[in-house]
Amino acid sequence: MAPKGYKNTRDENNRPIIVPSDDAKYMKQAFEEIAKGIFCFEDVRRMLNKKGLVCSRNNFWELICNPIYCGKIKVPAYKDEAEQMVKGKHEALISEELFYDRIF
């Protein structure tokens, strides 16, 4: 299932891929507002819920921590290989800098 801000579809070779959905604008705004440091996570979530984003508090926190929004995918550790982040084939909604600005 695609994360909020994306939808499942297929590419020209009929392979599954995710593309931005109507909720993408809300997710972009969430990262931008949090990075400004004016509002806390919960205030940003409430503002966006009033605009049309449907998201619980726990789900919102998980979404904000998901690197998929900056075009990365977490590949879990397997056998002797360590966990790593790789560039996804999907369109990033935000920059890596903005993704890391949300907390730091």
PDB file of N, CA and C in Angstrom:
ATOM      1  N   MET A   1       0.845  -1.179   0.000  1.00  0.00           N
ATOM      2  CA  MET A   1       0.000   0.000   0.000  1.00  0.00           C
ATOM      3  C   MET A   1       0.888   1.239   0.000  1.00  0.00           C
ATOM      4  N   ALA A   2       0.588   2.165  -0.862  1.00  0.00           N
ATOM      5  CA  ALA A   2       1.386   3.383  -0.969  1.00  0.00           C
ATOM      6  C   ALA A   2       1.168   4.270   0.257  1.00  0.00           C
ATOM      7  N   PRO A   3       2.222   4.963   0.721  1.00  0.00           N
ATOM      8  CA  PRO A   3       2.052   5.877   1.845  1.00  0.00           C
ATOM      9  C   PRO A   3       1.236   7.106   1.446  1.00  0.00           C
ATOM     10  N   LYS A   4       0.669   7.770   2.419  1.00  0.00           N
ATOM     11  CA  LYS A   4      -0.126   8.960   2.159  1.00  0.00           C
ATOM     12  C   LYS A   4       0.682   9.945   1.331  1.00  0.00           C
ATOM     13  N   GLY A   5       0.070  10.513   0.313  1.00  0.00           N
ATOM     14  CA  GLY A   5       0.759  11.409  -0.603  1.00  0.00           C
ATOM     15  C   GLY A   5       1.146  10.724  -1.902  1.00  0.00           C
ATOM     16  N   TYR A   6       1.022   9.408  -1.938  1.00  0.00           N
ATOM     17  CA  TYR A   6       1.320   8.621  -3.132  1.00  0.00           C
ATOM     18  C   TYR A   6       0.151   7.694  -3.426  1.00  0.00           C
ATOM     19  N   LYS A   7       0.116   7.194  -4.647  1.00  0.00           N
ATOM     20  CA  LYS A   7      -0.864   6.164  -5.011  1.00  0.00           C
ATOM     21  C   LYS A   7      -0.164   5.096  -5.835  1.00  0.00           C
ATOM     22  N   ASN A   8      -0.678   3.899  -5.759  1.00  0.00           N
ATOM     23  CA  ASN A   8      -0.139   2.771  -6.521  1.00  0.00           C
ATOM     24  C   ASN A   8      -0.623   2.846  -7.961  1.00  0.00           C
ATOM     25  N   THR A   9       0.278   2.573  -8.890  1.00  0.00           N
ATOM     26  CA  THR A   9      -0.063   2.512 -10.307  1.00  0.00           C
ATOM     27  C   THR A   9       0.947   1.608 -10.993  1.00  0.00           C
ATOM     28  N   ARG A  10       0.964   1.600 -12.299  1.00  0.00           N
ATOM     29  CA  ARG A  10       1.918   0.792 -13.056  1.00  0.00           C
ATOM     30  C   ARG A  10       2.617   1.666 -14.075  1.00  0.00           C
ATOM     31  N   ASP A  11       3.888   1.354 -14.343  1.00  0.00           N
ATOM     32  CA  ASP A  11       4.649   2.119 -15.328  1.00  0.00           C
ATOM     33  C   ASP A  11       4.375   1.594 -16.737  1.00  0.00           C
ATOM     34  N   GLU A  12       5.106   2.138 -17.721  1.00  0.00           N
ATOM     35  CA  GLU A  12       4.888   1.752 -19.123  1.00  0.00           C
ATOM     36  C   GLU A  12       5.201   0.280 -19.398  1.00  0.00           C
ATOM     37  N   ASN A  13       5.978  -0.353 -18.523  1.00  0.00           N
ATOM     38  CA  ASN A  13       6.285  -1.787 -18.657  1.00  0.00           C
ATOM     39  C   ASN A  13       5.399  -2.650 -17.765  1.00  0.00           C
ATOM     40  N   ASN A  14       4.333  -2.047 -17.228  1.00  0.00           N
ATOM     41  CA  ASN A  14       3.361  -2.719 -16.377  1.00  0.00           C
ATOM     42  C   ASN A  14       3.944  -3.182 -15.039  1.00  0.00           C
ATOM     43  N   ARG A  15       5.011  -2.518 -14.598  1.00  0.00           N
ATOM     44  CA  ARG A  15       5.577  -2.818 -13.279  1.00  0.00           C
ATOM     45  C   ARG A  15       4.959  -1.873 -12.245  1.00  0.00           C
ATOM     46  N   PRO A  16       4.733  -2.352 -11.032  1.00  0.00           N
ATOM     47  CA  PRO A  16       4.143  -1.484 -10.013  1.00  0.00           C
ATOM     48  C   PRO A  16       5.084  -0.343  -9.640  1.00  0.00           C
ATOM     49  N   ILE A  17       4.496   0.828  -9.426  1.00  0.00           N
ATOM     50  CA  ILE A  17       5.246   2.016  -9.024  1.00  0.00           C
ATOM     51  C   ILE A  17       4.293   2.931  -8.262  1.00  0.00           C
ATOM     52  N   ILE A  18       4.849   3.831  -7.463  1.00  0.00           N
ATOM     53  CA  ILE A  18       4.018   4.812  -6.785  1.00  0.00           C
ATOM     54  C   ILE A  18       4.244   6.174  -7.428  1.00  0.00           C
ATOM     55  N   VAL A  19       3.179   6.960  -7.498  1.00  0.00           N
ATOM     56  CA  VAL A  19       3.224   8.315  -8.048  1.00  0.00           C
ATOM     57  C   VAL A  19       2.510   9.246  -7.072  1.00  0.00           C
ATOM     58  N   PRO A  20       2.824  10.547  -7.113  1.00  0.00           N
ATOM     59  CA  PRO A  20       2.145  11.481  -6.209  1.00  0.00           C
ATOM     60  C   PRO A  20       0.628  11.460  -6.399  1.00  0.00           C
ATOM     61  N   SER A  21      -0.083  11.570  -5.282  1.00  0.00           N
ATOM     62  CA  SER A  21      -1.546  11.595  -5.296  1.00  0.00           C
ATOM     63  C   SER A  21      -2.031  12.988  -4.906  1.00  0.00           C
ATOM     64  N   ASP A  22      -3.324  13.125  -4.742  1.00  0.00           N
ATOM     65  CA  ASP A  22      -3.901  14.405  -4.332  1.00  0.00           C
ATOM     66  C   ASP A  22      -3.414  14.846  -2.956  1.00  0.00           C
ATOM     67  N   ASP A  23      -3.061  13.905  -2.092  1.00  0.00           N
ATOM     68  CA  ASP A  23      -2.577  14.230  -0.745  1.00  0.00           C
ATOM     69  C   ASP A  23      -1.117  14.684  -0.729  1.00  0.00           C
ATOM     70  N   ALA A  24      -0.435  14.641  -1.864  1.00  0.00           N
ATOM     71  CA  ALA A  24       0.980  15.018  -1.915  1.00  0.00           C
ATOM     72  C   ALA A  24       1.189  16.448  -1.433  1.00  0.00           C
ATOM     73  N   LYS A  25       0.277  17.347  -1.770  1.00  0.00           N
ATOM     74  CA  LYS A  25       0.414  18.750  -1.358  1.00  0.00           C
ATOM     75  C   LYS A  25       0.396  18.885   0.163  1.00  0.00           C
ATOM     76  N   TYR A  26      -0.400  18.051   0.835  1.00  0.00           N
ATOM     77  CA  TYR A  26      -0.454  18.089   2.300  1.00  0.00           C
ATOM     78  C   TYR A  26       0.853  17.595   2.917  1.00  0.00           C
ATOM     79  N   MET A  27       1.407  16.553   2.331  1.00  0.00           N
ATOM     80  CA  MET A  27       2.651  16.014   2.879  1.00  0.00           C
ATOM     81  C   MET A  27       3.806  16.992   2.665  1.00  0.00           C
ATOM     82  N   LYS A  28       3.857  17.641   1.506  1.00  0.00           N
ATOM     83  CA  LYS A  28       4.881  18.668   1.271  1.00  0.00           C
ATOM     84  C   LYS A  28       4.748  19.780   2.297  1.00  0.00           C
ATOM     85  N   GLN A  29       3.523  20.234   2.497  1.00  0.00           N
ATOM     86  CA  GLN A  29       3.286  21.313   3.451  1.00  0.00           C
ATOM     87  C   GLN A  29       3.652  20.890   4.868  1.00  0.00           C
ATOM     88  N   ALA A  30       3.393  19.645   5.222  1.00  0.00           N
ATOM     89  CA  ALA A  30       3.735  19.155   6.554  1.00  0.00           C
ATOM     90  C   ALA A  30       5.234  19.298   6.805  1.00  0.00           C
ATOM     91  N   PHE A  31       6.043  18.832   5.867  1.00  0.00           N
ATOM     92  CA  PHE A  31       7.495  18.930   6.038  1.00  0.00           C
ATOM     93  C   PHE A  31       7.955  20.385   6.077  1.00  0.00           C
ATOM     94  N   GLU A  32       7.391  21.223   5.224  1.00  0.00           N
ATOM     95  CA  GLU A  32       7.778  22.638   5.196  1.00  0.00           C
ATOM     96  C   GLU A  32       7.452  23.332   6.509  1.00  0.00           C
ATOM     97  N   GLU A  33       6.256  23.095   7.036  1.00  0.00           N
ATOM     98  CA  GLU A  33       5.839  23.731   8.291  1.00  0.00           C
ATOM     99  C   GLU A  33       6.663  23.243   9.475  1.00  0.00           C
ATOM    100  N   ILE A  34       6.918  21.958   9.529  1.00  0.00           N
ATOM    101  CA  ILE A  34       7.705  21.410  10.638  1.00  0.00           C
ATOM    102  C   ILE A  34       9.131  21.944  10.594  1.00  0.00           C
ATOM    103  N   ALA A  35       9.710  22.055   9.400  1.00  0.00           N
ATOM    104  CA  ALA A  35      11.080  22.552   9.257  1.00  0.00           C
ATOM    105  C   ALA A  35      11.205  24.011   9.699  1.00  0.00           C
ATOM    106  N   LYS A  36      10.131  24.788   9.562  1.00  0.00           N
ATOM    107  CA  LYS A  36      10.169  26.191  10.005  1.00  0.00           C
ATOM    108  C   LYS A  36      10.361  26.286  11.515  1.00  0.00           C
ATOM    109  N   GLY A  37       9.879  25.283  12.239  1.00  0.00           N
ATOM    110  CA  GLY A  37      10.055  25.263  13.689  1.00  0.00           C
ATOM    111  C   GLY A  37       9.078  26.133  14.451  1.00  0.00           C
ATOM    112  N   ILE A  38       8.053  26.638  13.810  1.00  0.00           N
ATOM    113  CA  ILE A  38       7.078  27.502  14.476  1.00  0.00           C
ATOM    114  C   ILE A  38       6.026  26.670  15.206  1.00  0.00           C
ATOM    115  N   PHE A  39       5.578  25.611  14.551  1.00  0.00           N
ATOM    116  CA  PHE A  39       4.535  24.752  15.115  1.00  0.00           C
ATOM    117  C   PHE A  39       5.094  23.377  15.421  1.00  0.00           C
ATOM    118  N   CYS A  40       4.536  22.734  16.436  1.00  0.00           N
ATOM    119  CA  CYS A  40       4.938  21.362  16.752  1.00  0.00           C
ATOM    120  C   CYS A  40       4.243  20.398  15.791  1.00  0.00           C
ATOM    121  N   PHE A  41       4.658  19.147  15.815  1.00  0.00           N
ATOM    122  CA  PHE A  41       4.098  18.130  14.927  1.00  0.00           C
ATOM    123  C   PHE A  41       2.573  18.074  15.036  1.00  0.00           C
ATOM    124  N   GLU A  42       2.073  18.064  16.256  1.00  0.00           N
ATOM    125  CA  GLU A  42       0.631  17.917  16.461  1.00  0.00           C
ATOM    126  C   GLU A  42      -0.130  19.117  15.902  1.00  0.00           C
ATOM    127  N   ASP A  43       0.386  20.319  16.066  1.00  0.00           N
ATOM    128  CA  ASP A  43      -0.269  21.506  15.511  1.00  0.00           C
ATOM    129  C   ASP A  43      -0.309  21.448  13.986  1.00  0.00           C
ATOM    130  N   VAL A  44       0.775  21.009  13.386  1.00  0.00           N
ATOM    131  CA  VAL A  44       0.829  20.878  11.928  1.00  0.00           C
ATOM    132  C   VAL A  44      -0.186  19.835  11.469  1.00  0.00           C
ATOM    133  N   ARG A  45      -0.257  18.717  12.155  1.00  0.00           N
ATOM    134  CA  ARG A  45      -1.214  17.667  11.795  1.00  0.00           C
ATOM    135  C   ARG A  45      -2.643  18.189  11.877  1.00  0.00           C
ATOM    136  N   ARG A  46      -2.968  18.920  12.929  1.00  0.00           N
ATOM    137  CA  ARG A  46      -4.320  19.461  13.087  1.00  0.00           C
ATOM    138  C   ARG A  46      -4.654  20.454  11.980  1.00  0.00           C
ATOM    139  N   MET A  47      -3.692  21.322  11.644  1.00  0.00           N
ATOM    140  CA  MET A  47      -3.911  22.288  10.566  1.00  0.00           C
ATOM    141  C   MET A  47      -4.219  21.569   9.249  1.00  0.00           C
ATOM    142  N   LEU A  48      -3.424  20.547   8.956  1.00  0.00           N
ATOM    143  CA  LEU A  48      -3.606  19.824   7.699  1.00  0.00           C
ATOM    144  C   LEU A  48      -4.878  18.981   7.706  1.00  0.00           C
ATOM    145  N   ASN A  49      -5.256  18.460   8.861  1.00  0.00           N
ATOM    146  CA  ASN A  49      -6.520  17.716   8.944  1.00  0.00           C
ATOM    147  C   ASN A  49      -7.703  18.634   8.628  1.00  0.00           C
ATOM    148  N   LYS A  50      -7.629  19.902   9.061  1.00  0.00           N
ATOM    149  CA  LYS A  50      -8.692  20.858   8.760  1.00  0.00           C
ATOM    150  C   LYS A  50      -8.753  21.163   7.264  1.00  0.00           C
ATOM    151  N   LYS A  51      -7.608  21.047   6.583  1.00  0.00           N
ATOM    152  CA  LYS A  51      -7.567  21.317   5.143  1.00  0.00           C
ATOM    153  C   LYS A  51      -7.980  20.105   4.308  1.00  0.00           C
ATOM    154  N   GLY A  52      -8.031  18.915   4.934  1.00  0.00           N
ATOM    155  CA  GLY A  52      -8.480  17.738   4.199  1.00  0.00           C
ATOM    156  C   GLY A  52      -7.634  16.496   4.361  1.00  0.00           C
ATOM    157  N   LEU A  53      -6.491  16.592   5.017  1.00  0.00           N
ATOM    158  CA  LEU A  53      -5.668  15.409   5.265  1.00  0.00           C
ATOM    159  C   LEU A  53      -6.316  14.600   6.381  1.00  0.00           C
ATOM    160  N   VAL A  54      -6.514  13.326   6.153  1.00  0.00           N
ATOM    161  CA  VAL A  54      -7.083  12.455   7.183  1.00  0.00           C
ATOM    162  C   VAL A  54      -5.943  11.606   7.718  1.00  0.00           C
ATOM    163  N   CYS A  55      -5.528  11.906   8.963  1.00  0.00           N
ATOM    164  CA  CYS A  55      -4.359  11.233   9.507  1.00  0.00           C
ATOM    165  C   CYS A  55      -4.383  11.279  11.030  1.00  0.00           C
ATOM    166  N   SER A  56      -4.193  10.137  11.654  1.00  0.00           N
ATOM    167  CA  SER A  56      -4.130  10.085  13.117  1.00  0.00           C
ATOM    168  C   SER A  56      -2.771  10.579  13.593  1.00  0.00           C
ATOM    169  N   ARG A  57      -2.659  10.831  14.864  1.00  0.00           N
ATOM    170  CA  ARG A  57      -1.407  11.324  15.447  1.00  0.00           C
ATOM    171  C   ARG A  57      -0.263  10.329  15.228  1.00  0.00           C
ATOM    172  N   ASN A  58      -0.500   9.061  15.541  1.00  0.00           N
ATOM    173  CA  ASN A  58       0.559   8.057  15.382  1.00  0.00           C
ATOM    174  C   ASN A  58       0.945   7.870  13.918  1.00  0.00           C
ATOM    175  N   ASN A  59      -0.048   7.831  13.049  1.00  0.00           N
ATOM    176  CA  ASN A  59       0.222   7.658  11.629  1.00  0.00           C
ATOM    177  C   ASN A  59       1.013   8.845  11.089  1.00  0.00           C
ATOM    178  N   PHE A  60       0.669  10.055  11.517  1.00  0.00           N
ATOM    179  CA  PHE A  60       1.368  11.250  11.052  1.00  0.00           C
ATOM    180  C   PHE A  60       2.845  11.182  11.434  1.00  0.00           C
ATOM    181  N   TRP A  61       3.142  10.782  12.649  1.00  0.00           N
ATOM    182  CA  TRP A  61       4.534  10.671  13.092  1.00  0.00           C
ATOM    183  C   TRP A  61       5.287   9.657  12.227  1.00  0.00           C
ATOM    184  N   GLU A  62       4.671   8.524  11.951  1.00  0.00           N
ATOM    185  CA  GLU A  62       5.307   7.505  11.107  1.00  0.00           C
ATOM    186  C   GLU A  62       5.556   8.033   9.697  1.00  0.00           C
ATOM    187  N   LEU A  63       4.604   8.782   9.161  1.00  0.00           N
ATOM    188  CA  LEU A  63       4.766   9.354   7.817  1.00  0.00           C
ATOM    189  C   LEU A  63       5.929  10.340   7.773  1.00  0.00           C
ATOM    190  N   ILE A  64       6.004  11.208   8.753  1.00  0.00           N
ATOM    191  CA  ILE A  64       7.054  12.227   8.789  1.00  0.00           C
ATOM    192  C   ILE A  64       8.441  11.591   8.903  1.00  0.00           C
ATOM    193  N   CYS A  65       8.522  10.426   9.480  1.00  0.00           N
ATOM    194  CA  CYS A  65       9.807   9.731   9.633  1.00  0.00           C
ATOM    195  C   CYS A  65      10.143   8.822   8.454  1.00  0.00           C
ATOM    196  N   ASN A  66       9.288   8.756   7.449  1.00  0.00           N
ATOM    197  CA  ASN A  66       9.475   7.848   6.321  1.00  0.00           C
ATOM    198  C   ASN A  66      10.330   8.513   5.232  1.00  0.00           C
ATOM    199  N   PRO A  67      11.505   7.966   4.927  1.00  0.00           N
ATOM    200  CA  PRO A  67      12.389   8.574   3.920  1.00  0.00           C
ATOM    201  C   PRO A  67      11.871   8.471   2.491  1.00  0.00           C
ATOM    202  N   ILE A  68      10.767   7.784   2.289  1.00  0.00           N
ATOM    203  CA  ILE A  68      10.225   7.656   0.935  1.00  0.00           C
ATOM    204  C   ILE A  68       9.877   9.021   0.345  1.00  0.00           C
ATOM    205  N   TYR A  69       9.544   9.982   1.214  1.00  0.00           N
ATOM    206  CA  TYR A  69       9.149  11.309   0.738  1.00  0.00           C
ATOM    207  C   TYR A  69      10.300  12.086   0.117  1.00  0.00           C
ATOM    208  N   CYS A  70      11.540  11.735   0.456  1.00  0.00           N
ATOM    209  CA  CYS A  70      12.689  12.394  -0.170  1.00  0.00           C
ATOM    210  C   CYS A  70      13.320  11.493  -1.233  1.00  0.00           C
ATOM    211  N   GLY A  71      12.585  10.484  -1.668  1.00  0.00           N
ATOM    212  CA  GLY A  71      13.035   9.637  -2.766  1.00  0.00           C
ATOM    213  C   GLY A  71      13.891   8.453  -2.370  1.00  0.00           C
ATOM    214  N   LYS A  72      13.969   8.160  -1.086  1.00  0.00           N
ATOM    215  CA  LYS A  72      14.794   7.049  -0.602  1.00  0.00           C
ATOM    216  C   LYS A  72      13.914   5.901  -0.114  1.00  0.00           C
ATOM    217  N   ILE A  73      14.462   4.705  -0.173  1.00  0.00           N
ATOM    218  CA  ILE A  73      13.786   3.508   0.330  1.00  0.00           C
ATOM    219  C   ILE A  73      14.737   2.786   1.275  1.00  0.00           C
ATOM    220  N   LYS A  74      14.215   2.392   2.415  1.00  0.00           N
ATOM    221  CA  LYS A  74      15.021   1.655   3.390  1.00  0.00           C
ATOM    222  C   LYS A  74      14.991   0.172   3.028  1.00  0.00           C
ATOM    223  N   VAL A  75      16.175  -0.387   2.807  1.00  0.00           N
ATOM    224  CA  VAL A  75      16.306  -1.815   2.520  1.00  0.00           C
ATOM    225  C   VAL A  75      16.795  -2.480   3.808  1.00  0.00           C
ATOM    226  N   PRO A  76      15.996  -3.370   4.378  1.00  0.00           N
ATOM    227  CA  PRO A  76      16.383  -3.985   5.649  1.00  0.00           C
ATOM    228  C   PRO A  76      17.631  -4.863   5.524  1.00  0.00           C
ATOM    229  N   ALA A  77      18.271  -5.075   6.649  1.00  0.00           N
ATOM    230  CA  ALA A  77      19.448  -5.947   6.681  1.00  0.00           C
ATOM    231  C   ALA A  77      19.048  -7.347   6.223  1.00  0.00           C
ATOM    232  N   TYR A  78      19.964  -7.995   5.520  1.00  0.00           N
ATOM    233  CA  TYR A  78      19.711  -9.359   5.046  1.00  0.00           C
ATOM    234  C   TYR A  78      21.009 -10.138   5.101  1.00  0.00           C
ATOM    235  N   LYS A  79      20.989 -11.232   5.823  1.00  0.00           N
ATOM    236  CA  LYS A  79      22.167 -12.076   6.021  1.00  0.00           C
ATOM    237  C   LYS A  79      23.341 -11.223   6.489  1.00  0.00           C
ATOM    238  N   ASP A  80      24.412 -11.143   5.685  1.00  0.00           N
ATOM    239  CA  ASP A  80      25.600 -10.396   6.100  1.00  0.00           C
ATOM    240  C   ASP A  80      25.556  -8.926   5.675  1.00  0.00           C
ATOM    241  N   GLU A  81      24.521  -8.522   4.972  1.00  0.00           N
ATOM    242  CA  GLU A  81      24.425  -7.144   4.493  1.00  0.00           C
ATOM    243  C   GLU A  81      23.720  -6.279   5.525  1.00  0.00           C
ATOM    244  N   ALA A  82      24.240  -5.077   5.717  1.00  0.00           N
ATOM    245  CA  ALA A  82      23.651  -4.129   6.664  1.00  0.00           C
ATOM    246  C   ALA A  82      22.439  -3.436   6.026  1.00  0.00           C
ATOM    247  N   GLU A  83      21.583  -2.894   6.882  1.00  0.00           N
ATOM    248  CA  GLU A  83      20.476  -2.087   6.396  1.00  0.00           C
ATOM    249  C   GLU A  83      21.036  -0.888   5.635  1.00  0.00           C
ATOM    250  N   GLN A  84      20.366  -0.494   4.565  1.00  0.00           N
ATOM    251  CA  GLN A  84      20.857   0.655   3.805  1.00  0.00           C
ATOM    252  C   GLN A  84      19.705   1.432   3.196  1.00  0.00           C
ATOM    253  N   MET A  85      20.006   2.678   2.827  1.00  0.00           N
ATOM    254  CA  MET A  85      19.047   3.544   2.146  1.00  0.00           C
ATOM    255  C   MET A  85      19.456   3.610   0.683  1.00  0.00           C
ATOM    256  N   VAL A  86      18.504   3.405  -0.206  1.00  0.00           N
ATOM    257  CA  VAL A  86      18.789   3.456  -1.639  1.00  0.00           C
ATOM    258  C   VAL A  86      17.832   4.437  -2.306  1.00  0.00           C
ATOM    259  N   LYS A  87      18.253   4.955  -3.441  1.00  0.00           N
ATOM    260  CA  LYS A  87      17.411   5.865  -4.199  1.00  0.00           C
ATOM    261  C   LYS A  87      16.288   5.063  -4.841  1.00  0.00           C
ATOM    262  N   GLY A  88      15.058   5.516  -4.632  1.00  0.00           N
ATOM    263  CA  GLY A  88      13.915   4.844  -5.219  1.00  0.00           C
ATOM    264  C   GLY A  88      13.679   5.292  -6.653  1.00  0.00           C
ATOM    265  N   LYS A  89      12.816   4.593  -7.350  1.00  0.00           N
ATOM    266  CA  LYS A  89      12.469   4.958  -8.722  1.00  0.00           C
ATOM    267  C   LYS A  89      11.268   5.901  -8.761  1.00  0.00           C
ATOM    268  N   HIS A  90      10.692   6.171  -7.598  1.00  0.00           N
ATOM    269  CA  HIS A  90       9.531   7.044  -7.508  1.00  0.00           C
ATOM    270  C   HIS A  90       9.956   8.518  -7.410  1.00  0.00           C
ATOM    271  N   GLU A  91       9.016   9.397  -7.662  1.00  0.00           N
ATOM    272  CA  GLU A  91       9.259  10.836  -7.569  1.00  0.00           C
ATOM    273  C   GLU A  91       9.277  11.262  -6.105  1.00  0.00           C
ATOM    274  N   ALA A  92      10.311  11.984  -5.717  1.00  0.00           N
ATOM    275  CA  ALA A  92      10.392  12.511  -4.357  1.00  0.00           C
ATOM    276  C   ALA A  92       9.446  13.708  -4.233  1.00  0.00           C
ATOM    277  N   LEU A  93       8.784  13.831  -3.086  1.00  0.00           N
ATOM    278  CA  LEU A  93       7.915  14.978  -2.850  1.00  0.00           C
ATOM    279  C   LEU A  93       8.684  16.152  -2.262  1.00  0.00           C
ATOM    280  N   ILE A  94       9.780  15.848  -1.562  1.00  0.00           N
ATOM    281  CA  ILE A  94      10.586  16.886  -0.910  1.00  0.00           C
ATOM    282  C   ILE A  94      12.071  16.582  -1.115  1.00  0.00           C
ATOM    283  N   SER A  95      12.912  17.536  -0.805  1.00  0.00           N
ATOM    284  CA  SER A  95      14.359  17.327  -0.901  1.00  0.00           C
ATOM    285  C   SER A  95      14.860  16.569   0.330  1.00  0.00           C
ATOM    286  N   GLU A  96      16.042  16.003   0.206  1.00  0.00           N
ATOM    287  CA  GLU A  96      16.643  15.332   1.369  1.00  0.00           C
ATOM    288  C   GLU A  96      16.907  16.336   2.481  1.00  0.00           C
ATOM    289  N   GLU A  97      17.326  17.537   2.110  1.00  0.00           N
ATOM    290  CA  GLU A  97      17.600  18.572   3.113  1.00  0.00           C
ATOM    291  C   GLU A  97      16.349  18.876   3.922  1.00  0.00           C
ATOM    292  N   LEU A  98      15.222  19.022   3.241  1.00  0.00           N
ATOM    293  CA  LEU A  98      13.974  19.297   3.950  1.00  0.00           C
ATOM    294  C   LEU A  98      13.582  18.115   4.828  1.00  0.00           C
ATOM    295  N   PHE A  99      13.787  16.903   4.347  1.00  0.00           N
ATOM    296  CA  PHE A  99      13.469  15.720   5.144  1.00  0.00           C
ATOM    297  C   PHE A  99      14.246  15.731   6.455  1.00  0.00           C
ATOM    298  N   TYR A 100      15.535  16.038   6.392  1.00  0.00           N
ATOM    299  CA  TYR A 100      16.349  16.026   7.604  1.00  0.00           C
ATOM    300  C   TYR A 100      16.157  17.276   8.443  1.00  0.00           C
ATOM    301  N   ASP A 101      15.647  18.352   7.880  1.00  0.00           N
ATOM    302  CA  ASP A 101      15.353  19.581   8.633  1.00  0.00           C
ATOM    303  C   ASP A 101      14.148  19.417   9.547  1.00  0.00           C
ATOM    304  N   ARG A 102      13.315  18.435   9.329  1.00  0.00           N
ATOM    305  CA  ARG A 102      12.085  18.297  10.094  1.00  0.00           C
ATOM    306  C   ARG A 102      12.335  18.040  11.572  1.00  0.00           C
ATOM    307  N   ILE A 103      13.491  17.501  11.893  1.00  0.00           N
ATOM    308  CA  ILE A 103      13.772  17.181  13.290  1.00  0.00           C
ATOM    309  C   ILE A 103      14.942  17.990  13.819  1.00  0.00           C
ATOM    310  N   PHE A 104      15.932  18.205  13.004  1.00  0.00           N
ATOM    311  CA  PHE A 104      17.184  18.817  13.468  1.00  0.00           C
ATOM    312  C   PHE A 104      17.146  20.321  13.371  1.00  0.00           C
TER     313      PHE A 104
END
